[in-house]
Amino acid sequence: MEMGKRLLITIGGLLLVLFIGTLGFILIEKWSILDSLYMTVITIATVGFGEIHPLSQGGRIFCILLIIGGAGILLSTISTMTAFFVEGELTDIIRRKKMERIIGKIENHYILCGLGRVGRPIAIEFSKTKKAFLAIEKKKERIEEAISLIPNLVFIHGDATHNVVLKSARIERAIGLITALPTDQENLFVVLTASGLNPHLRIISRADDPESEEKLRRAGANEVIFPHMIGGLRMASCMLRPTVVNFLDKMLRQDDIALRVEEMVIKKTSHFIGKALSSLREKRQELMIRVLAIKERDSNAYHYNPDENRIIKEGDVLIIFGDIDKIAIFEKFVG
């Protein structure tokens, strides 16, 4: 934005010099507008074409002043324009306009606050699983790093702790928000603001200090995650059950296929309500989908490896395993 302002100022200064030069030659030498403009241009450009008409003494003095003042402004304008293109300011403007158009249409999406060491893997997972999301990050270099990994990243360059930034992310139409900012204070502020702007939002917050958990939950966070604690548990798992960890790593990180454990809610529009789980067997076999468990609505109980004769009910949550693209097909089939 600063580069854009400098460019506008220098272009304005150049136009002012052209106007003054043209007007000066008209008044002093009584030349036509075209001749005066031409003389002004070749004078400040110092191309050495020579005078188009003989100059009077007053005209020569004016020409000297025009060279001294105009040549510097012309060089400044050229250097600013070069920097504008070379430093990517024009690209940023075009990209920002594109982002504004995309964000203006987005809904039922997730908002990710922060693209640091914790936020970037979250963005990659959202991208791999084809979830509609946008990221908010105030450091430009982190955005560029994320774009190198996720070329189609939808983002806002701004501070997620500001109300106006969250509103520009269409938070009122979002279904979830993850705040992965560096400090607990920043995350607390985002949670408090987000829950006020959209009370129905599911909010997940990062935290470093265990004492922050109660504050974050009171502010509106549904879940509070401690990355350092998870990292420690992961290291213990690598030591105690290396094969299981290696299996999960391969499942999550391989690029040719995205295998995931997903949840699918049986909505009231599904035509499989009231039918046995076996009625989905053929489609599950076709798509290689596995039903690992079923959670009943308004219950914390899980039915692991459910019986094929179990009746499907509205609000049931099916915990399924398979390729993410095939899971999407299965969800549409179930309705």
C-alpha atoms as a PDB file:
ATOM      1  CA  MET A   1       0.000   0.000   0.000  1.00  0.00           C
ATOM      2  CA  GLU A   2       2.898   2.403   0.766  1.00  0.00           C
ATOM      3  CA  MET A   3       4.430   1.673  -2.622  1.00  0.00           C
ATOM      4  CA  GLY A   4       1.096   2.386  -4.300  1.00  0.00           C
ATOM      5  CA  LYS A   5       0.814   5.724  -2.516  1.00  0.00           C
ATOM      6  CA  ARG A   6       4.359   6.693  -3.565  1.00  0.00           C
ATOM      7  CA  LEU A   7       3.567   5.783  -7.149  1.00  0.00           C
ATOM      8  CA  LEU A   8       0.434   7.937  -7.171  1.00  0.00           C
ATOM      9  CA  ILE A   9       2.352  10.861  -5.646  1.00  0.00           C
ATOM     10  CA  THR A  10       5.199  10.676  -8.175  1.00  0.00           C
ATOM     11  CA  ILE A  11       2.810  10.327 -11.132  1.00  0.00           C
ATOM     12  CA  GLY A  12       0.860  13.296  -9.809  1.00  0.00           C
ATOM     13  CA  GLY A  13       4.097  15.283  -9.541  1.00  0.00           C
ATOM     14  CA  LEU A  14       5.071  14.363 -13.101  1.00  0.00           C
ATOM     15  CA  LEU A  15       1.686  15.440 -14.458  1.00  0.00           C
ATOM     16  CA  LEU A  16       2.016  18.711 -12.543  1.00  0.00           C
ATOM     17  CA  VAL A  17       5.454  19.355 -14.111  1.00  0.00           C
ATOM     18  CA  LEU A  18       4.048  18.623 -17.579  1.00  0.00           C
ATOM     19  CA  PHE A  19       1.202  21.047 -16.950  1.00  0.00           C
ATOM     20  CA  ILE A  20       3.475  23.805 -15.623  1.00  0.00           C
ATOM     21  CA  GLY A  21       5.975  23.306 -18.455  1.00  0.00           C
ATOM     22  CA  THR A  22       3.315  23.393 -21.148  1.00  0.00           C
ATOM     23  CA  LEU A  23       1.650  26.455 -19.618  1.00  0.00           C
ATOM     24  CA  GLY A  24       5.002  28.195 -19.235  1.00  0.00           C
ATOM     25  CA  PHE A  25       5.968  27.830 -22.894  1.00  0.00           C
ATOM     26  CA  ILE A  26       2.501  28.947 -23.954  1.00  0.00           C
ATOM     27  CA  LEU A  27       2.720  32.115 -21.852  1.00  0.00           C
ATOM     28  CA  ILE A  28       6.395  32.939 -22.447  1.00  0.00           C
ATOM     29  CA  GLU A  29       6.914  31.880 -26.068  1.00  0.00           C
ATOM     30  CA  LYS A  30       3.301  32.015 -27.282  1.00  0.00           C
ATOM     31  CA  TRP A  31       3.583  28.498 -28.734  1.00  0.00           C
ATOM     32  CA  SER A  32       0.705  26.123 -29.430  1.00  0.00           C
ATOM     33  CA  ILE A  33      -0.352  23.557 -26.814  1.00  0.00           C
ATOM     34  CA  LEU A  34       1.161  20.666 -28.788  1.00  0.00           C
ATOM     35  CA  ASP A  35       4.504  22.439 -29.345  1.00  0.00           C
ATOM     36  CA  SER A  36       4.646  23.475 -25.689  1.00  0.00           C
ATOM     37  CA  LEU A  37       3.870  19.946 -24.446  1.00  0.00           C
ATOM     38  CA  TYR A  38       6.427  18.434 -26.842  1.00  0.00           C
ATOM     39  CA  MET A  39       9.107  20.872 -25.697  1.00  0.00           C
ATOM     40  CA  THR A  40       8.305  20.104 -22.052  1.00  0.00           C
ATOM     41  CA  VAL A  41       8.612  16.354 -22.604  1.00  0.00           C
ATOM     42  CA  ILE A  42      11.938  16.469 -24.467  1.00  0.00           C
ATOM     43  CA  THR A  43      13.280  18.961 -21.917  1.00  0.00           C
ATOM     44  CA  ILE A  44      12.581  16.918 -18.754  1.00  0.00           C
ATOM     45  CA  ALA A  45      13.569  13.705 -20.570  1.00  0.00           C
ATOM     46  CA  THR A  46      16.897  15.314 -21.540  1.00  0.00           C
ATOM     47  CA  VAL A  47      16.879  13.532 -24.914  1.00  0.00           C
ATOM     48  CA  GLY A  48      18.741  16.399 -26.626  1.00  0.00           C
ATOM     49  CA  PHE A  49      16.495  16.802 -29.660  1.00  0.00           C
ATOM     50  CA  GLY A  50      17.019  20.564 -29.638  1.00  0.00           C
ATOM     51  CA  GLU A  51      14.597  23.476 -29.567  1.00  0.00           C
ATOM     52  CA  ILE A  52      11.606  23.241 -31.895  1.00  0.00           C
ATOM     53  CA  HIS A  53      11.530  27.066 -32.081  1.00  0.00           C
ATOM     54  CA  PRO A  54      14.167  29.625 -31.078  1.00  0.00           C
ATOM     55  CA  LEU A  55      13.864  30.467 -27.381  1.00  0.00           C
ATOM     56  CA  SER A  56      13.783  33.914 -25.921  1.00  0.00           C
ATOM     57  CA  GLN A  57      15.935  34.811 -22.895  1.00  0.00           C
ATOM     58  CA  GLY A  58      12.960  34.234 -20.597  1.00  0.00           C
ATOM     59  CA  GLY A  59      12.252  30.926 -22.324  1.00  0.00           C
ATOM     60  CA  ARG A  60      15.830  29.737 -21.764  1.00  0.00           C
ATOM     61  CA  ILE A  61      15.691  30.580 -18.043  1.00  0.00           C
ATOM     62  CA  PHE A  62      12.360  28.743 -17.756  1.00  0.00           C
ATOM     63  CA  CYS A  63      13.844  25.776 -19.655  1.00  0.00           C
ATOM     64  CA  ILE A  64      16.778  25.591 -17.194  1.00  0.00           C
ATOM     65  CA  LEU A  65      14.428  25.577 -14.215  1.00  0.00           C
ATOM     66  CA  LEU A  66      12.260  22.937 -15.925  1.00  0.00           C
ATOM     67  CA  ILE A  67      15.256  20.642 -16.466  1.00  0.00           C
ATOM     68  CA  ILE A  68      16.434  21.011 -12.862  1.00  0.00           C
ATOM     69  CA  GLY A  69      13.006  20.299 -11.369  1.00  0.00           C
ATOM     70  CA  GLY A  70      11.411  18.051 -13.991  1.00  0.00           C
ATOM     71  CA  ALA A  71      14.246  15.593 -14.694  1.00  0.00           C
ATOM     72  CA  GLY A  72      14.453  14.590 -11.050  1.00  0.00           C
ATOM     73  CA  ILE A  73      10.701  13.991 -10.809  1.00  0.00           C
ATOM     74  CA  LEU A  74      10.753  11.947 -14.035  1.00  0.00           C
ATOM     75  CA  LEU A  75      13.570   9.738 -12.736  1.00  0.00           C
ATOM     76  CA  SER A  76      11.751   9.313  -9.415  1.00  0.00           C
ATOM     77  CA  THR A  77       8.577   8.291 -11.235  1.00  0.00           C
ATOM     78  CA  ILE A  78      10.414   5.759 -13.396  1.00  0.00           C
ATOM     79  CA  SER A  79      12.218   4.218 -10.410  1.00  0.00           C
ATOM     80  CA  THR A  80       8.987   4.036  -8.389  1.00  0.00           C
ATOM     81  CA  MET A  81       7.135   2.394 -11.284  1.00  0.00           C
ATOM     82  CA  THR A  82       9.963  -0.113 -11.700  1.00  0.00           C
ATOM     83  CA  ALA A  83       9.873  -0.944  -7.990  1.00  0.00           C
ATOM     84  CA  PHE A  84       6.086  -1.215  -8.163  1.00  0.00           C
ATOM     85  CA  PHE A  85       6.327  -3.985 -10.754  1.00  0.00           C
ATOM     86  CA  VAL A  86       9.563  -5.652  -9.585  1.00  0.00           C
ATOM     87  CA  GLU A  87       8.560  -5.819  -5.908  1.00  0.00           C
ATOM     88  CA  GLY A  88       5.264  -7.420  -6.805  1.00  0.00           C
ATOM     89  CA  GLU A  89       2.968  -4.619  -5.677  1.00  0.00           C
ATOM     90  CA  LEU A  90       0.878  -4.904  -8.841  1.00  0.00           C
ATOM     91  CA  THR A  91       0.660  -8.677  -8.397  1.00  0.00           C
ATOM     92  CA  ASP A  92      -0.453  -8.148  -4.802  1.00  0.00           C
ATOM     93  CA  ILE A  93      -3.201  -5.760  -5.883  1.00  0.00           C
ATOM     94  CA  ILE A  94      -4.499  -8.183  -8.526  1.00  0.00           C
ATOM     95  CA  ARG A  95      -4.326 -11.086  -6.062  1.00  0.00           C
ATOM     96  CA  ARG A  96      -6.092  -9.072  -3.372  1.00  0.00           C
ATOM     97  CA  LYS A  97      -8.931  -8.187  -5.743  1.00  0.00           C
ATOM     98  CA  LYS A  98      -9.244 -11.860  -6.674  1.00  0.00           C
ATOM     99  CA  MET A  99      -9.337 -12.829  -2.992  1.00  0.00           C
ATOM    100  CA  GLU A 100     -12.073 -10.269  -2.329  1.00  0.00           C
ATOM    101  CA  ARG A 101     -14.221 -11.787  -5.091  1.00  0.00           C
ATOM    102  CA  ILE A 102     -13.727 -15.335  -3.763  1.00  0.00           C
ATOM    103  CA  ILE A 103     -14.329 -14.369  -0.137  1.00  0.00           C
ATOM    104  CA  GLY A 104     -17.453 -12.435  -1.139  1.00  0.00           C
ATOM    105  CA  LYS A 105     -19.037 -15.736  -2.235  1.00  0.00           C
ATOM    106  CA  ILE A 106     -17.705 -18.104   0.451  1.00  0.00           C
ATOM    107  CA  GLU A 107     -20.043 -19.632   3.049  1.00  0.00           C
ATOM    108  CA  ASN A 108     -20.248 -22.706   5.310  1.00  0.00           C
ATOM    109  CA  HIS A 109     -16.483 -22.427   5.610  1.00  0.00           C
ATOM    110  CA  TYR A 110     -13.793 -22.666   8.268  1.00  0.00           C
ATOM    111  CA  ILE A 111     -11.615 -19.751   9.373  1.00  0.00           C
ATOM    112  CA  LEU A 112      -7.999 -20.396  10.318  1.00  0.00           C
ATOM    113  CA  CYS A 113      -6.292 -17.635  12.310  1.00  0.00           C
ATOM    114  CA  GLY A 114      -2.520 -17.873  11.984  1.00  0.00           C
ATOM    115  CA  LEU A 115      -0.217 -19.584   9.459  1.00  0.00           C
ATOM    116  CA  GLY A 116       2.732 -20.215  11.746  1.00  0.00           C
ATOM    117  CA  ARG A 117       4.219 -23.550  12.784  1.00  0.00           C
ATOM    118  CA  VAL A 118       0.860 -24.769  14.112  1.00  0.00           C
ATOM    119  CA  GLY A 119      -1.435 -23.113  11.585  1.00  0.00           C
ATOM    120  CA  ARG A 120       0.365 -24.172   8.419  1.00  0.00           C
ATOM    121  CA  PRO A 121      -0.161 -27.949   8.899  1.00  0.00           C
ATOM    122  CA  ILE A 122      -3.834 -27.225   9.632  1.00  0.00           C
ATOM    123  CA  ALA A 123      -4.135 -25.350   6.328  1.00  0.00           C
ATOM    124  CA  ILE A 124      -2.468 -28.228   4.481  1.00  0.00           C
ATOM    125  CA  GLU A 125      -4.888 -30.741   6.041  1.00  0.00           C
ATOM    126  CA  PHE A 126      -7.898 -28.580   5.153  1.00  0.00           C
ATOM    127  CA  SER A 127      -6.616 -28.344   1.589  1.00  0.00           C
ATOM    128  CA  LYS A 128      -5.967 -32.089   1.283  1.00  0.00           C
ATOM    129  CA  THR A 129      -9.429 -32.925   2.581  1.00  0.00           C
ATOM    130  CA  LYS A 130     -10.986 -30.308   0.261  1.00  0.00           C
ATOM    131  CA  LYS A 131     -12.641 -28.267   3.003  1.00  0.00           C
ATOM    132  CA  ALA A 132     -13.765 -24.726   2.256  1.00  0.00           C
ATOM    133  CA  PHE A 133     -11.603 -22.464   4.418  1.00  0.00           C
ATOM    134  CA  LEU A 134      -9.760 -19.190   4.504  1.00  0.00           C
ATOM    135  CA  ALA A 135      -6.693 -18.199   6.489  1.00  0.00           C
ATOM    136  CA  ILE A 136      -5.961 -14.924   8.271  1.00  0.00           C
ATOM    137  CA  GLU A 137      -2.319 -13.975   8.759  1.00  0.00           C
ATOM    138  CA  LYS A 138      -0.675 -10.607   9.460  1.00  0.00           C
ATOM    139  CA  LYS A 139       2.854 -11.579   8.365  1.00  0.00           C
ATOM    140  CA  LYS A 140       3.254 -11.490   4.589  1.00  0.00           C
ATOM    141  CA  GLU A 141       6.195 -13.919   4.535  1.00  0.00           C
ATOM    142  CA  ARG A 142       4.082 -16.605   6.226  1.00  0.00           C
ATOM    143  CA  ILE A 143       1.377 -16.153   3.603  1.00  0.00           C
ATOM    144  CA  GLU A 144       3.946 -16.575   0.818  1.00  0.00           C
ATOM    145  CA  GLU A 145       5.314 -19.734   2.466  1.00  0.00           C
ATOM    146  CA  ALA A 146       1.783 -21.153   2.731  1.00  0.00           C
ATOM    147  CA  ILE A 147       0.996 -20.286  -0.906  1.00  0.00           C
ATOM    148  CA  SER A 148       4.103 -22.196  -2.017  1.00  0.00           C
ATOM    149  CA  LEU A 149       2.527 -25.284  -0.417  1.00  0.00           C
ATOM    150  CA  ILE A 150      -1.135 -24.476  -1.178  1.00  0.00           C
ATOM    151  CA  PRO A 151      -1.315 -22.532  -4.479  1.00  0.00           C
ATOM    152  CA  ASN A 152      -5.089 -22.032  -4.266  1.00  0.00           C
ATOM    153  CA  LEU A 153      -4.995 -20.740  -0.679  1.00  0.00           C
ATOM    154  CA  VAL A 154      -7.763 -18.266   0.164  1.00  0.00           C
ATOM    155  CA  PHE A 155      -6.416 -15.743   2.663  1.00  0.00           C
ATOM    156  CA  ILE A 156      -6.758 -12.336   4.265  1.00  0.00           C
ATOM    157  CA  HIS A 157      -3.620 -10.348   5.046  1.00  0.00           C
ATOM    158  CA  GLY A 158      -4.559  -8.827   8.384  1.00  0.00           C
ATOM    159  CA  ASP A 159      -4.731  -9.156  12.165  1.00  0.00           C
ATOM    160  CA  ALA A 160      -7.300 -11.733  13.312  1.00  0.00           C
ATOM    161  CA  THR A 161      -7.686  -9.969  16.661  1.00  0.00           C
ATOM    162  CA  HIS A 162      -9.434  -7.060  14.895  1.00  0.00           C
ATOM    163  CA  ASN A 163     -13.225  -7.198  14.544  1.00  0.00           C
ATOM    164  CA  VAL A 164     -13.175  -5.776  11.032  1.00  0.00           C
ATOM    165  CA  VAL A 165     -10.841  -8.537   9.820  1.00  0.00           C
ATOM    166  CA  LEU A 166     -13.035 -11.311  11.223  1.00  0.00           C
ATOM    167  CA  LYS A 167     -16.078  -9.660   9.670  1.00  0.00           C
ATOM    168  CA  SER A 168     -14.319  -9.463   6.301  1.00  0.00           C
ATOM    169  CA  ALA A 169     -13.780 -13.244   6.604  1.00  0.00           C
ATOM    170  CA  ARG A 170     -17.597 -13.552   6.589  1.00  0.00           C
ATOM    171  CA  ILE A 171     -17.558 -15.020  10.084  1.00  0.00           C
ATOM    172  CA  GLU A 172     -21.339 -14.792  10.286  1.00  0.00           C
ATOM    173  CA  ARG A 173     -21.533 -17.432   7.502  1.00  0.00           C
ATOM    174  CA  ALA A 174     -18.707 -19.653   8.805  1.00  0.00           C
ATOM    175  CA  ILE A 175     -19.267 -22.970  10.580  1.00  0.00           C
ATOM    176  CA  GLY A 176     -15.970 -23.199  12.438  1.00  0.00           C
ATOM    177  CA  LEU A 177     -12.903 -21.249  13.514  1.00  0.00           C
ATOM    178  CA  ILE A 178      -9.453 -22.359  14.594  1.00  0.00           C
ATOM    179  CA  THR A 179      -7.178 -19.818  16.242  1.00  0.00           C
ATOM    180  CA  ALA A 180      -3.517 -20.855  16.200  1.00  0.00           C
ATOM    181  CA  LEU A 181      -1.884 -17.535  17.060  1.00  0.00           C
ATOM    182  CA  PRO A 182       1.429 -17.505  18.975  1.00  0.00           C
ATOM    183  CA  THR A 183       0.180 -16.253  22.361  1.00  0.00           C
ATOM    184  CA  ASP A 184      -2.671 -17.271  24.617  1.00  0.00           C
ATOM    185  CA  GLN A 185      -3.698 -13.608  24.961  1.00  0.00           C
ATOM    186  CA  GLU A 186      -4.173 -13.253  21.199  1.00  0.00           C
ATOM    187  CA  ASN A 187      -6.111 -16.504  20.996  1.00  0.00           C
ATOM    188  CA  LEU A 188      -8.312 -15.470  23.920  1.00  0.00           C
ATOM    189  CA  PHE A 189      -9.133 -12.189  22.208  1.00  0.00           C
ATOM    190  CA  VAL A 190     -10.008 -13.970  18.937  1.00  0.00           C
ATOM    191  CA  VAL A 191     -12.219 -16.513  20.734  1.00  0.00           C
ATOM    192  CA  LEU A 192     -14.040 -13.785  22.648  1.00  0.00           C
ATOM    193  CA  THR A 193     -14.592 -11.684  19.518  1.00  0.00           C
ATOM    194  CA  ALA A 194     -15.563 -14.611  17.271  1.00  0.00           C
ATOM    195  CA  SER A 195     -18.098 -16.050  19.728  1.00  0.00           C
ATOM    196  CA  GLY A 196     -19.704 -12.617  19.969  1.00  0.00           C
ATOM    197  CA  LEU A 197     -19.931 -12.215  16.186  1.00  0.00           C
ATOM    198  CA  ASN A 198     -21.284 -15.741  15.607  1.00  0.00           C
ATOM    199  CA  PRO A 199     -22.638 -17.559  18.698  1.00  0.00           C
ATOM    200  CA  HIS A 200     -23.209 -20.775  16.678  1.00  0.00           C
ATOM    201  CA  LEU A 201     -19.563 -21.027  15.567  1.00  0.00           C
ATOM    202  CA  ARG A 202     -17.541 -24.079  16.609  1.00  0.00           C
ATOM    203  CA  ILE A 203     -14.255 -22.706  17.938  1.00  0.00           C
ATOM    204  CA  ILE A 204     -10.985 -24.567  18.499  1.00  0.00           C
ATOM    205  CA  SER A 205      -8.158 -22.674  20.193  1.00  0.00           C
ATOM    206  CA  ARG A 206      -4.460 -23.272  20.645  1.00  0.00           C
ATOM    207  CA  ALA A 207      -2.986 -22.712  24.115  1.00  0.00           C
ATOM    208  CA  ASP A 208       0.428 -23.031  25.727  1.00  0.00           C
ATOM    209  CA  ASP A 209      -0.383 -22.437  29.398  1.00  0.00           C
ATOM    210  CA  PRO A 210      -2.768 -25.027  30.936  1.00  0.00           C
ATOM    211  CA  GLU A 211      -4.202 -22.261  33.118  1.00  0.00           C
ATOM    212  CA  SER A 212      -5.536 -20.580  29.957  1.00  0.00           C
ATOM    213  CA  GLU A 213      -7.918 -23.449  29.187  1.00  0.00           C
ATOM    214  CA  GLU A 214     -10.672 -22.351  31.566  1.00  0.00           C
ATOM    215  CA  LYS A 215     -10.491 -18.743  30.306  1.00  0.00           C
ATOM    216  CA  LEU A 216     -10.670 -19.838  26.668  1.00  0.00           C
ATOM    217  CA  ARG A 217     -13.637 -22.120  27.307  1.00  0.00           C
ATOM    218  CA  ARG A 218     -15.460 -19.368  29.186  1.00  0.00           C
ATOM    219  CA  ALA A 219     -14.782 -17.026  26.263  1.00  0.00           C
ATOM    220  CA  GLY A 220     -16.469 -19.474  23.877  1.00  0.00           C
ATOM    221  CA  ALA A 221     -13.928 -22.116  22.801  1.00  0.00           C
ATOM    222  CA  ASN A 222     -15.407 -25.580  22.296  1.00  0.00           C
ATOM    223  CA  GLU A 223     -12.018 -27.255  22.463  1.00  0.00           C
ATOM    224  CA  VAL A 224      -8.579 -26.137  23.658  1.00  0.00           C
ATOM    225  CA  ILE A 225      -5.500 -27.841  22.212  1.00  0.00           C
ATOM    226  CA  PHE A 226      -2.010 -27.827  23.758  1.00  0.00           C
ATOM    227  CA  PRO A 227       0.544 -28.435  20.956  1.00  0.00           C
ATOM    228  CA  HIS A 228       3.439 -29.061  23.358  1.00  0.00           C
ATOM    229  CA  MET A 229       1.442 -31.704  25.240  1.00  0.00           C
ATOM    230  CA  ILE A 230       0.415 -33.401  21.991  1.00  0.00           C
ATOM    231  CA  GLY A 231       4.034 -33.293  20.819  1.00  0.00           C
ATOM    232  CA  GLY A 232       5.153 -35.023  24.000  1.00  0.00           C
ATOM    233  CA  LEU A 233       2.505 -37.731  23.666  1.00  0.00           C
ATOM    234  CA  ARG A 234       3.500 -38.229  20.031  1.00  0.00           C
ATOM    235  CA  MET A 235       7.143 -38.764  21.016  1.00  0.00           C
ATOM    236  CA  ALA A 236       6.074 -41.334  23.610  1.00  0.00           C
ATOM    237  CA  SER A 237       3.938 -43.106  20.977  1.00  0.00           C
ATOM    238  CA  CYS A 238       6.879 -43.218  18.552  1.00  0.00           C
ATOM    239  CA  MET A 239       8.865 -45.031  21.203  1.00  0.00           C
ATOM    240  CA  LEU A 240       6.134 -47.393  22.454  1.00  0.00           C
ATOM    241  CA  ARG A 241       4.163 -48.160  19.265  1.00  0.00           C
ATOM    242  CA  PRO A 242       6.333 -47.189  16.253  1.00  0.00           C
ATOM    243  CA  THR A 243       4.431 -49.312  13.713  1.00  0.00           C
ATOM    244  CA  VAL A 244       1.095 -47.681  14.539  1.00  0.00           C
ATOM    245  CA  VAL A 245       2.623 -44.195  14.315  1.00  0.00           C
ATOM    246  CA  ASN A 246       4.307 -45.065  11.022  1.00  0.00           C
ATOM    247  CA  PHE A 247       0.976 -46.313   9.634  1.00  0.00           C
ATOM    248  CA  LEU A 248      -0.804 -43.101  10.615  1.00  0.00           C
ATOM    249  CA  ASP A 249       2.003 -40.978   9.150  1.00  0.00           C
ATOM    250  CA  LYS A 250       1.814 -42.751   5.813  1.00  0.00           C
ATOM    251  CA  MET A 251      -1.973 -42.452   5.807  1.00  0.00           C
ATOM    252  CA  LEU A 252      -1.915 -38.722   6.482  1.00  0.00           C
ATOM    253  CA  ARG A 253       1.088 -37.691   4.393  1.00  0.00           C
ATOM    254  CA  GLN A 254       0.990 -39.670   1.167  1.00  0.00           C
ATOM    255  CA  ASP A 255       0.116 -37.480  -1.802  1.00  0.00           C
ATOM    256  CA  ASP A 256      -1.359 -40.007  -4.234  1.00  0.00           C
ATOM    257  CA  ILE A 257      -4.309 -40.891  -1.985  1.00  0.00           C
ATOM    258  CA  ALA A 258      -5.878 -39.112   1.006  1.00  0.00           C
ATOM    259  CA  LEU A 259      -7.106 -41.737   3.476  1.00  0.00           C
ATOM    260  CA  ARG A 260      -8.935 -40.267   6.431  1.00  0.00           C
ATOM    261  CA  VAL A 261     -11.240 -41.153   9.303  1.00  0.00           C
ATOM    262  CA  GLU A 262     -14.256 -38.875   8.801  1.00  0.00           C
ATOM    263  CA  GLU A 263     -17.626 -38.359  10.469  1.00  0.00           C
ATOM    264  CA  MET A 264     -20.899 -38.271   8.563  1.00  0.00           C
ATOM    265  CA  VAL A 265     -24.153 -37.097  10.133  1.00  0.00           C
ATOM    266  CA  ILE A 266     -27.361 -38.803   8.997  1.00  0.00           C
ATOM    267  CA  LYS A 267     -29.672 -35.899   8.160  1.00  0.00           C
ATOM    268  CA  LYS A 268     -33.446 -36.007   8.086  1.00  0.00           C
ATOM    269  CA  THR A 269     -33.346 -35.828   4.269  1.00  0.00           C
ATOM    270  CA  SER A 270     -31.582 -39.197   4.004  1.00  0.00           C
ATOM    271  CA  HIS A 271     -33.707 -41.925   2.452  1.00  0.00           C
ATOM    272  CA  PHE A 272     -31.794 -44.571   4.434  1.00  0.00           C
ATOM    273  CA  ILE A 273     -33.356 -43.580   7.765  1.00  0.00           C
ATOM    274  CA  GLY A 274     -35.190 -46.591   9.178  1.00  0.00           C
ATOM    275  CA  LYS A 275     -33.160 -49.050   7.082  1.00  0.00           C
ATOM    276  CA  ALA A 276     -30.494 -51.437   8.277  1.00  0.00           C
ATOM    277  CA  LEU A 277     -26.811 -50.597   7.949  1.00  0.00           C
ATOM    278  CA  SER A 278     -26.569 -53.538   5.539  1.00  0.00           C
ATOM    279  CA  SER A 279     -28.531 -51.473   2.971  1.00  0.00           C
ATOM    280  CA  LEU A 280     -25.323 -49.452   2.478  1.00  0.00           C
ATOM    281  CA  ARG A 281     -23.079 -52.508   2.181  1.00  0.00           C
ATOM    282  CA  GLU A 282     -22.926 -52.642  -1.622  1.00  0.00           C
ATOM    283  CA  LYS A 283     -22.024 -48.971  -1.949  1.00  0.00           C
ATOM    284  CA  ARG A 284     -19.478 -49.238   0.859  1.00  0.00           C
ATOM    285  CA  GLN A 285     -17.808 -52.181  -0.850  1.00  0.00           C
ATOM    286  CA  GLU A 286     -17.776 -50.341  -4.170  1.00  0.00           C
ATOM    287  CA  LEU A 287     -16.094 -47.280  -2.642  1.00  0.00           C
ATOM    288  CA  MET A 288     -14.036 -49.272  -0.102  1.00  0.00           C
ATOM    289  CA  ILE A 289     -15.585 -47.407   2.822  1.00  0.00           C
ATOM    290  CA  ARG A 290     -15.414 -48.874   6.316  1.00  0.00           C
ATOM    291  CA  VAL A 291     -17.860 -47.945   9.110  1.00  0.00           C
ATOM    292  CA  LEU A 292     -15.754 -47.992  12.267  1.00  0.00           C
ATOM    293  CA  ALA A 293     -18.373 -46.823  14.747  1.00  0.00           C
ATOM    294  CA  ILE A 294     -21.741 -45.114  15.144  1.00  0.00           C
ATOM    295  CA  LYS A 295     -22.533 -42.408  17.668  1.00  0.00           C
ATOM    296  CA  GLU A 296     -26.182 -41.807  18.466  1.00  0.00           C
ATOM    297  CA  ARG A 297     -27.582 -38.282  18.530  1.00  0.00           C
ATOM    298  CA  ASP A 298     -27.454 -36.587  21.947  1.00  0.00           C
ATOM    299  CA  SER A 299     -25.338 -39.422  23.302  1.00  0.00           C
ATOM    300  CA  ASN A 300     -21.679 -39.844  24.121  1.00  0.00           C
ATOM    301  CA  ALA A 301     -21.840 -43.600  23.588  1.00  0.00           C
ATOM    302  CA  TYR A 302     -20.172 -45.184  20.558  1.00  0.00           C
ATOM    303  CA  HIS A 303     -21.110 -48.480  18.930  1.00  0.00           C
ATOM    304  CA  TYR A 304     -17.807 -49.832  17.658  1.00  0.00           C
ATOM    305  CA  ASN A 305     -17.731 -52.144  14.644  1.00  0.00           C
ATOM    306  CA  PRO A 306     -21.545 -51.859  14.445  1.00  0.00           C
ATOM    307  CA  ASP A 307     -23.807 -54.784  13.570  1.00  0.00           C
ATOM    308  CA  GLU A 308     -25.042 -54.800   9.968  1.00  0.00           C
ATOM    309  CA  ASN A 309     -28.621 -55.188  11.217  1.00  0.00           C
ATOM    310  CA  ARG A 310     -28.476 -51.955  13.211  1.00  0.00           C
ATOM    311  CA  ILE A 311     -31.172 -49.514  12.108  1.00  0.00           C
ATOM    312  CA  ILE A 312     -29.976 -46.126  10.836  1.00  0.00           C
ATOM    313  CA  LYS A 313     -31.563 -43.209  12.687  1.00  0.00           C
ATOM    314  CA  GLU A 314     -31.748 -39.493  12.068  1.00  0.00           C
ATOM    315  CA  GLY A 315     -28.868 -37.728  13.804  1.00  0.00           C
ATOM    316  CA  ASP A 316     -26.620 -40.807  13.885  1.00  0.00           C
ATOM    317  CA  VAL A 317     -22.955 -39.962  13.306  1.00  0.00           C
ATOM    318  CA  LEU A 318     -21.134 -42.565  11.240  1.00  0.00           C
ATOM    319  CA  ILE A 319     -17.376 -42.739  11.842  1.00  0.00           C
ATOM    320  CA  ILE A 320     -16.076 -43.923   8.477  1.00  0.00           C
ATOM    321  CA  PHE A 321     -12.651 -44.678   6.993  1.00  0.00           C
ATOM    322  CA  GLY A 322     -11.654 -44.359   3.359  1.00  0.00           C
ATOM    323  CA  ASP A 323     -10.365 -42.167   0.570  1.00  0.00           C
ATOM    324  CA  ILE A 324     -11.557 -38.568   0.997  1.00  0.00           C
ATOM    325  CA  ASP A 325     -12.918 -38.316  -2.560  1.00  0.00           C
ATOM    326  CA  LYS A 326     -14.847 -41.569  -2.219  1.00  0.00           C
ATOM    327  CA  ILE A 327     -16.156 -40.454   1.177  1.00  0.00           C
ATOM    328  CA  ALA A 328     -17.623 -37.381  -0.546  1.00  0.00           C
ATOM    329  CA  ILE A 329     -19.362 -39.649  -3.074  1.00  0.00           C
ATOM    330  CA  PHE A 330     -20.672 -41.827  -0.246  1.00  0.00           C
ATOM    331  CA  GLU A 331     -22.048 -38.808   1.629  1.00  0.00           C
ATOM    332  CA  LYS A 332     -23.995 -37.682  -1.449  1.00  0.00           C
ATOM    333  CA  PHE A 333     -25.314 -41.235  -1.940  1.00  0.00           C
ATOM    334  CA  VAL A 334     -26.542 -41.432   1.644  1.00  0.00           C
ATOM    335  CA  GLY A 335     -28.053 -37.976   1.329  1.00  0.00           C
END
